[in-house]
């Protein structure tokens, strides 16, 4: 039966998401989900949605959603593309822009879906190494690249780079598309969206899954020049003209427009992040300076993987990566204060056992 598969599909190692559990009693801080509910206005849009509209196909251009995103970021709707989650948008961008005979480049420690898409679409790639402090070195991207992907802030390291850094990457790579993946940018990073007005080869992607608390309905977007956006639209319409459903459009518009709630919940997450960081450091942990809704932490006096397994027995789920250079770290999503108190107590119990 394997003979029916394309050769490149046989050896693909799929992306591994954070472990899910049906147990409602667990402290689930392993998948970088938002601990707070969606905007009340988004919830109201769901309650008031006219279900009779489900008989019809959704608006193919998703214009109300594009306009809401454009208004928030100070761009025009023609510079916005929307899709079924940022993974859908990124996968489409990989297909659309990375097809030269030159390899693309992205960091060696980063979002693990990037190499999966490269395998799926037969894209050659290189992995410039992060430095000893897990920072991206812009000079490593001064090469004959077929494209560049920079997650900013990076995951799972949680570290962000400045817009000056991004401009350096862009100036090194004027003849290929540069993608800045801003899935976590709202939690303290510097957005590169304003640079899309200056650089026609820059595509910035974002998601509603993190700061908008809508991981369950799948909305992602990209912002860039008309040329890039039109290319994405053309490729999308070659296989599916309706990637965003009517319900998601209605909810997404309200979530994007509710700036007050967005600012409030982001501020709460950042405050909890700082408190947890301080407490872990007081317990002897090294914690990277996060600009995301998660933290990366290690403690050279502890068996980190064993701590991860111990916490799991206490129904506290965090993330461990069995990967060189970060296999002595754990990634901890920032939950509610109550959830993080349970996590911190679990860590203290592990240390004291």
Protein backbone atom coordinates (compact mmCIF):
# COMPACT_ATOMS: atom_id res chain seq x y z
CA UNK A 1 0.00 0.00 0.00
CA UNK A 2 2.91 2.36 0.67
CA UNK A 3 3.68 2.30 -3.05
CA UNK A 4 0.63 4.50 -3.55
CA UNK A 5 2.17 7.28 -1.48
CA UNK A 6 4.38 9.97 -2.93
CA UNK A 7 7.98 9.23 -2.00
CA UNK A 8 8.38 12.37 0.09
CA UNK A 9 5.29 11.51 2.17
CA UNK A 10 6.58 8.14 3.33
CA UNK A 11 9.30 9.58 5.53
CA UNK A 12 7.56 12.66 6.91
CA UNK A 13 7.63 13.03 10.67
CA UNK A 14 4.35 14.80 11.47
CA UNK A 15 4.06 17.71 13.86
CA UNK A 16 3.40 16.61 17.46
CA UNK A 17 0.93 18.90 19.26
CA UNK A 18 0.75 19.36 23.01
CA UNK A 19 -0.88 16.44 24.81
CA UNK A 20 -4.64 16.72 25.17
CA UNK A 21 -6.73 15.19 27.94
CA UNK A 22 -10.45 14.72 28.49
CA UNK A 23 -9.92 15.02 32.24
CA UNK A 24 -11.41 18.36 33.28
CA UNK A 25 -9.48 18.36 36.56
CA UNK A 26 -6.03 18.76 35.03
CA UNK A 27 -4.02 21.97 35.02
CA UNK A 28 -3.49 22.17 31.27
CA UNK A 29 -0.56 24.50 30.66
CA UNK A 30 1.16 22.60 27.86
CA UNK A 31 -0.33 23.90 24.60
CA UNK A 32 0.03 27.70 24.84
CA UNK A 33 -3.72 28.19 24.96
CA UNK A 34 -5.21 31.32 26.48
CA UNK A 35 -6.54 30.71 30.02
CA UNK A 36 -9.29 33.31 29.64
CA UNK A 37 -12.51 33.03 27.62
CA UNK A 38 -12.95 34.83 24.30
CA UNK A 39 -14.19 38.40 24.17
CA UNK A 40 -17.76 38.72 25.51
CA UNK A 41 -18.62 40.43 22.23
CA UNK A 42 -17.34 37.38 20.33
CA UNK A 43 -19.42 35.12 22.57
CA UNK A 44 -22.45 37.31 21.92
CA UNK A 45 -21.84 37.01 18.17
CA UNK A 46 -21.90 33.23 18.57
CA UNK A 47 -25.15 33.32 20.55
CA UNK A 48 -26.84 35.67 18.08
CA UNK A 49 -25.58 34.00 14.90
CA UNK A 50 -28.38 33.43 12.39
CA UNK A 51 -28.13 29.68 11.87
CA UNK A 52 -30.27 29.95 8.74
CA UNK A 53 -27.17 31.44 7.08
CA UNK A 54 -25.45 28.08 7.41
CA UNK A 55 -27.39 26.96 4.33
CA UNK A 56 -25.24 29.28 2.26
CA UNK A 57 -21.56 29.32 1.44
CA UNK A 58 -19.62 31.91 3.45
CA UNK A 59 -18.39 35.14 1.94
CA UNK A 60 -15.50 33.92 -0.20
CA UNK A 61 -13.31 36.96 0.38
CA UNK A 62 -14.04 37.07 4.16
CA UNK A 63 -14.08 40.85 3.77
CA UNK A 64 -15.63 41.77 7.16
CA UNK A 65 -12.87 39.82 8.90
CA UNK A 66 -10.14 41.25 6.68
CA UNK A 67 -11.41 44.76 7.37
CA UNK A 68 -11.42 44.22 11.14
CA UNK A 69 -7.83 42.95 11.02
CA UNK A 70 -6.82 45.83 8.74
CA UNK A 71 -8.35 48.39 11.10
CA UNK A 72 -6.51 46.97 14.10
CA UNK A 73 -3.12 46.95 12.38
CA UNK A 74 -3.49 50.19 10.43
CA UNK A 75 -3.32 48.66 6.96
CA UNK A 76 -5.80 48.24 4.11
CA UNK A 77 -8.01 45.19 3.66
CA UNK A 78 -6.31 44.47 0.33
CA UNK A 79 -3.15 43.79 2.33
CA UNK A 80 -4.77 41.10 4.48
CA UNK A 81 -5.21 37.37 3.80
CA UNK A 82 -7.19 35.09 6.11
CA UNK A 83 -7.21 31.32 6.47
CA UNK A 84 -8.15 28.39 8.64
CA UNK A 85 -5.64 29.08 11.41
CA UNK A 86 -2.12 30.44 10.98
CA UNK A 87 -0.87 26.91 10.22
CA UNK A 88 -3.10 26.92 7.14
CA UNK A 89 -1.81 30.36 6.16
CA UNK A 90 1.83 29.39 6.71
CA UNK A 91 1.50 26.11 4.83
CA UNK A 92 -0.04 27.99 1.91
CA UNK A 93 2.78 30.54 2.02
CA UNK A 94 5.39 27.76 1.96
CA UNK A 95 3.67 26.32 -1.13
CA UNK A 96 3.32 29.69 -2.81
CA UNK A 97 6.69 31.32 -2.26
CA UNK A 98 9.32 28.68 -1.54
CA UNK A 99 9.80 26.90 -4.82
CA UNK A 100 13.18 28.06 -6.11
CA UNK A 101 16.30 25.92 -6.40
CA UNK A 102 17.71 27.63 -3.30
CA UNK A 103 17.05 26.36 0.24
CA UNK A 104 15.00 28.42 2.65
CA UNK A 105 16.34 29.22 6.12
CA UNK A 106 14.85 29.13 9.60
CA UNK A 107 16.36 28.58 13.08
CA UNK A 108 17.43 25.16 14.30
CA UNK A 109 15.25 25.50 17.40
CA UNK A 110 11.85 26.80 16.41
CA UNK A 111 8.28 25.84 15.54
CA UNK A 112 8.49 22.20 14.55
CA UNK A 113 5.90 22.49 11.79
CA UNK A 114 8.38 24.32 9.52
CA UNK A 115 10.45 21.23 8.62
CA UNK A 116 7.25 19.20 8.24
CA UNK A 117 5.99 21.56 5.55
CA UNK A 118 9.37 21.49 3.85
CA UNK A 119 9.21 17.70 3.68
CA UNK A 120 5.62 17.80 2.45
CA UNK A 121 6.32 20.32 -0.31
CA UNK A 122 9.84 19.13 -1.23
CA UNK A 123 11.49 22.34 -0.05
CA UNK A 124 15.19 22.27 0.79
CA UNK A 125 16.12 24.13 3.96
CA UNK A 126 18.98 25.11 6.23
CA UNK A 127 18.88 25.63 9.99
CA UNK A 128 21.22 28.37 11.24
CA UNK A 129 21.89 27.64 14.89
CA UNK A 130 20.68 29.85 17.70
CA UNK A 131 23.54 31.19 19.79
CA UNK A 132 24.35 29.98 23.31
CA UNK A 133 21.67 32.33 24.68
CA UNK A 134 19.06 31.02 22.22
CA UNK A 135 19.12 34.23 20.18
CA UNK A 136 18.84 34.38 16.39
CA UNK A 137 21.92 35.83 14.69
CA UNK A 138 20.83 37.97 11.73
CA UNK A 139 24.21 37.57 10.04
CA UNK A 140 23.51 33.83 9.69
CA UNK A 141 20.80 34.72 7.17
CA UNK A 142 23.12 36.67 4.90
CA UNK A 143 23.17 34.02 2.19
CA UNK A 144 21.65 33.02 -1.14
CA UNK A 145 18.36 31.98 0.42
CA UNK A 146 15.24 30.83 -1.37
CA UNK A 147 13.24 32.33 1.49
CA UNK A 148 13.46 33.04 5.20
CA UNK A 149 11.10 32.24 8.07
CA UNK A 150 11.64 33.95 11.42
CA UNK A 151 9.22 33.35 14.29
CA UNK A 152 9.18 36.53 16.35
CA UNK A 153 9.00 35.88 19.24
CA UNK A 154 10.48 32.45 18.72
CA UNK A 155 8.93 29.27 20.03
CA UNK A 156 9.74 27.39 22.12
CA UNK A 157 12.47 29.75 23.35
CA UNK A 158 10.00 32.62 24.07
CA UNK A 159 12.56 35.25 22.96
CA UNK A 160 11.73 38.12 20.63
CA UNK A 161 13.81 40.29 18.32
CA UNK A 162 13.50 43.97 17.42
CA UNK A 163 12.16 45.45 14.20
CA UNK A 164 15.71 46.64 13.51
CA UNK A 165 16.75 42.99 13.56
CA UNK A 166 13.96 42.14 11.11
CA UNK A 167 15.05 44.95 8.79
CA UNK A 168 18.56 43.55 8.80
CA UNK A 169 17.16 40.19 7.68
CA UNK A 170 15.12 41.92 4.98
CA UNK A 171 18.10 43.88 3.69
CA UNK A 172 20.07 40.62 3.43
CA UNK A 173 17.22 38.94 1.52
CA UNK A 174 15.74 41.35 -0.99
CA UNK A 175 15.15 38.76 -3.72
CA UNK A 176 13.06 36.25 -1.76
CA UNK A 177 10.05 36.24 0.53
CA UNK A 178 10.70 36.76 4.24
CA UNK A 179 7.99 35.48 6.59
CA UNK A 180 7.77 36.76 10.15
CA UNK A 181 5.57 34.43 12.19
CA UNK A 182 4.01 36.58 14.93
CA UNK A 183 1.83 33.97 16.65
CA UNK A 184 3.00 35.21 20.08
CA UNK A 185 3.82 38.83 19.32
CA UNK A 186 0.91 40.34 21.27
CA UNK A 187 2.44 39.27 24.59
CA UNK A 188 5.42 41.59 24.41
CA UNK A 189 7.04 41.36 20.99
CA UNK A 190 7.57 44.09 18.41
CA UNK A 191 5.30 43.68 15.41
CA UNK A 192 6.81 43.96 11.94
CA UNK A 193 3.48 44.85 10.30
CA UNK A 194 4.51 48.51 9.69
CA UNK A 195 7.49 47.22 7.70
CA UNK A 196 5.14 45.60 5.16
CA UNK A 197 4.54 49.09 3.77
CA UNK A 198 8.25 49.43 3.08
CA UNK A 199 9.25 45.92 1.98
CA UNK A 200 7.18 44.20 -0.72
CA UNK A 201 8.76 40.83 0.05
CA UNK A 202 7.71 40.80 3.73
CA UNK A 203 4.80 38.66 4.89
CA UNK A 204 3.72 38.82 8.55
CA UNK A 205 1.47 36.06 9.86
CA UNK A 206 -0.72 36.01 12.95
CA UNK A 207 -3.36 33.97 14.71
CA UNK A 208 -6.53 34.29 16.79
CA UNK A 209 -5.56 31.21 18.81
CA UNK A 210 -3.35 32.89 21.41
CA UNK A 211 -4.17 36.46 22.41
CA UNK A 212 -7.77 36.28 21.12
CA UNK A 213 -8.64 33.01 22.93
CA UNK A 214 -10.07 31.40 19.79
CA UNK A 215 -7.91 28.32 19.22
CA UNK A 216 -11.09 26.26 18.86
CA UNK A 217 -12.43 27.95 15.73
CA UNK A 218 -9.21 28.32 13.70
CA UNK A 219 -8.54 31.79 12.28
CA UNK A 220 -5.17 32.89 10.97
CA UNK A 221 -4.07 35.78 8.82
CA UNK A 222 -1.21 37.29 6.86
CA UNK A 223 -0.38 40.91 6.15
CA UNK A 224 1.80 41.96 3.24
CA UNK A 225 2.05 43.71 -0.09
CA UNK A 226 -0.75 43.36 -2.64
CA UNK A 227 1.52 41.15 -4.73
CA UNK A 228 2.03 38.64 -1.93
CA UNK A 229 -1.61 38.69 -0.82
CA UNK A 230 -2.89 38.26 -4.38
CA UNK A 231 -0.57 35.29 -4.82
CA UNK A 232 -1.93 33.65 -1.67
CA UNK A 233 -5.50 34.29 -2.83
CA UNK A 234 -4.78 32.76 -6.24
CA UNK A 235 -3.23 29.63 -4.78
CA UNK A 236 -6.02 29.29 -2.20
CA UNK A 237 -8.68 29.60 -4.89
CA UNK A 238 -6.98 26.82 -6.83
CA UNK A 239 -8.19 24.29 -4.29
CA UNK A 240 -10.66 25.90 -1.85
CA UNK A 241 -12.41 29.24 -2.18
CA UNK A 242 -14.04 29.03 1.25
CA UNK A 243 -11.32 28.48 3.83
CA UNK A 244 -12.98 30.56 6.56
CA UNK A 245 -16.54 29.64 7.55
CA UNK A 246 -19.35 32.13 8.23
CA UNK A 247 -19.41 31.51 11.97
CA UNK A 248 -15.67 32.10 12.31
CA UNK A 249 -15.95 35.33 10.34
CA UNK A 250 -18.71 36.65 12.62
CA UNK A 251 -16.88 35.70 15.83
CA UNK A 252 -13.49 36.84 14.55
CA UNK A 253 -14.73 40.31 13.66
CA UNK A 254 -16.01 40.92 17.18
CA UNK A 255 -12.90 39.45 18.79
CA UNK A 256 -10.64 41.72 16.76
CA UNK A 257 -12.79 44.79 17.38
CA UNK A 258 -12.90 44.33 21.16
CA UNK A 259 -9.58 46.05 21.83
CA UNK A 260 -10.38 46.80 25.48
CA UNK A 261 -10.87 43.13 26.36
CA UNK A 262 -7.81 42.17 24.33
CA UNK A 263 -5.64 44.65 26.23
CA UNK A 264 -7.07 43.54 29.57
CA UNK A 265 -6.44 39.81 29.13
CA UNK A 266 -2.99 40.29 27.61
CA UNK A 267 -2.02 42.47 30.58
CA UNK A 268 -3.26 39.80 33.00
CA UNK A 269 -1.19 37.10 31.28
CA UNK A 270 1.92 39.29 31.30
CA UNK A 271 1.50 40.06 35.00
CA UNK A 272 1.09 36.38 35.86
CA UNK A 273 4.09 35.54 33.67
CA UNK A 274 6.28 37.92 35.63
CA UNK A 275 5.08 36.57 38.97
CA UNK A 276 5.70 32.95 37.97
CA UNK A 277 9.10 33.85 36.51
CA UNK A 278 10.12 35.54 39.75
CA UNK A 279 8.95 32.62 41.88
CA UNK A 280 10.70 30.03 39.73
CA UNK A 281 13.93 32.03 39.85
CA UNK A 282 13.65 32.15 43.64
CA UNK A 283 13.51 28.34 43.55
CA UNK A 284 16.77 28.16 41.61
CA UNK A 285 15.41 27.99 38.07
CA UNK A 286 16.87 29.78 35.08
CA UNK A 287 13.96 31.31 33.17
CA UNK A 288 14.39 32.93 29.76
CA UNK A 289 13.02 36.48 29.41
CA UNK A 290 9.74 35.65 27.74
CA UNK A 291 7.81 37.85 25.33
CA UNK A 292 5.15 35.18 24.83
CA UNK A 293 2.34 33.53 26.78
CA UNK A 294 4.71 30.81 27.98
CA UNK A 295 8.08 30.51 29.69
CA UNK A 296 11.07 28.23 29.18
CA UNK A 297 12.74 27.16 32.40
CA UNK A 298 15.54 24.88 33.55
CA UNK A 299 17.28 23.99 36.80
CA UNK A 300 20.68 22.29 36.66
CA UNK A 301 20.09 20.79 40.11
CA UNK A 302 16.97 18.93 39.00
CA UNK A 303 16.13 16.17 36.54
CA UNK A 304 13.81 18.27 34.38
CA UNK A 305 12.26 15.36 32.53
CA UNK A 306 11.58 13.60 35.82
CA UNK A 307 9.93 16.76 37.14
CA UNK A 308 7.78 16.88 34.00
CA UNK A 309 6.68 13.28 34.59
CA UNK A 310 6.08 13.93 38.30
CA UNK A 311 3.85 16.92 37.59
CA UNK A 312 1.89 14.82 35.13
CA UNK A 313 1.03 12.36 37.92
CA UNK A 314 -0.35 15.35 39.82
CA UNK A 315 -2.53 16.28 36.81
CA UNK A 316 -0.34 19.24 35.91
CA UNK A 317 0.52 19.16 32.19
CA UNK A 318 3.51 21.15 30.93
CA UNK A 319 5.63 20.54 27.81
CA UNK A 320 8.94 18.72 27.55
CA UNK A 321 10.95 18.57 24.31
CA UNK A 322 13.26 15.61 23.83
CA UNK A 323 15.43 17.67 21.52
CA UNK A 324 19.14 18.56 21.68
CA UNK A 325 19.96 21.83 23.46
CA UNK A 326 16.49 22.20 25.00
CA UNK A 327 16.05 18.76 26.58
CA UNK A 328 16.91 20.22 29.97
CA UNK A 329 14.13 22.78 29.74
CA UNK A 330 10.38 22.68 30.14
CA UNK A 331 7.88 24.99 28.51
CA UNK A 332 5.12 26.27 30.74
CA UNK A 333 2.07 28.02 29.35
CA UNK A 334 0.84 30.91 31.47
CA UNK A 335 -2.55 29.96 32.90
CA UNK A 336 -4.80 31.66 35.40
CA UNK A 337 -3.31 32.68 38.74
CA UNK A 338 -5.05 29.71 40.34
CA UNK A 339 -3.58 27.30 37.79
CA UNK A 340 -0.11 28.74 38.18
CA UNK A 341 -0.35 28.49 41.97
CA UNK A 342 -1.08 24.77 41.59
CA UNK A 343 1.87 24.46 39.21
CA UNK A 344 4.24 26.26 41.57
CA UNK A 345 3.10 24.13 44.49
CA UNK A 346 3.69 21.03 42.37
CA UNK A 347 7.23 22.19 41.62
CA UNK A 348 7.88 22.86 45.32
CA UNK A 349 6.51 19.41 46.22
CA UNK A 350 8.83 17.83 43.66
CA UNK A 351 11.86 19.66 45.02
CA UNK A 352 11.02 18.74 48.61
CA UNK A 353 10.26 15.05 48.02
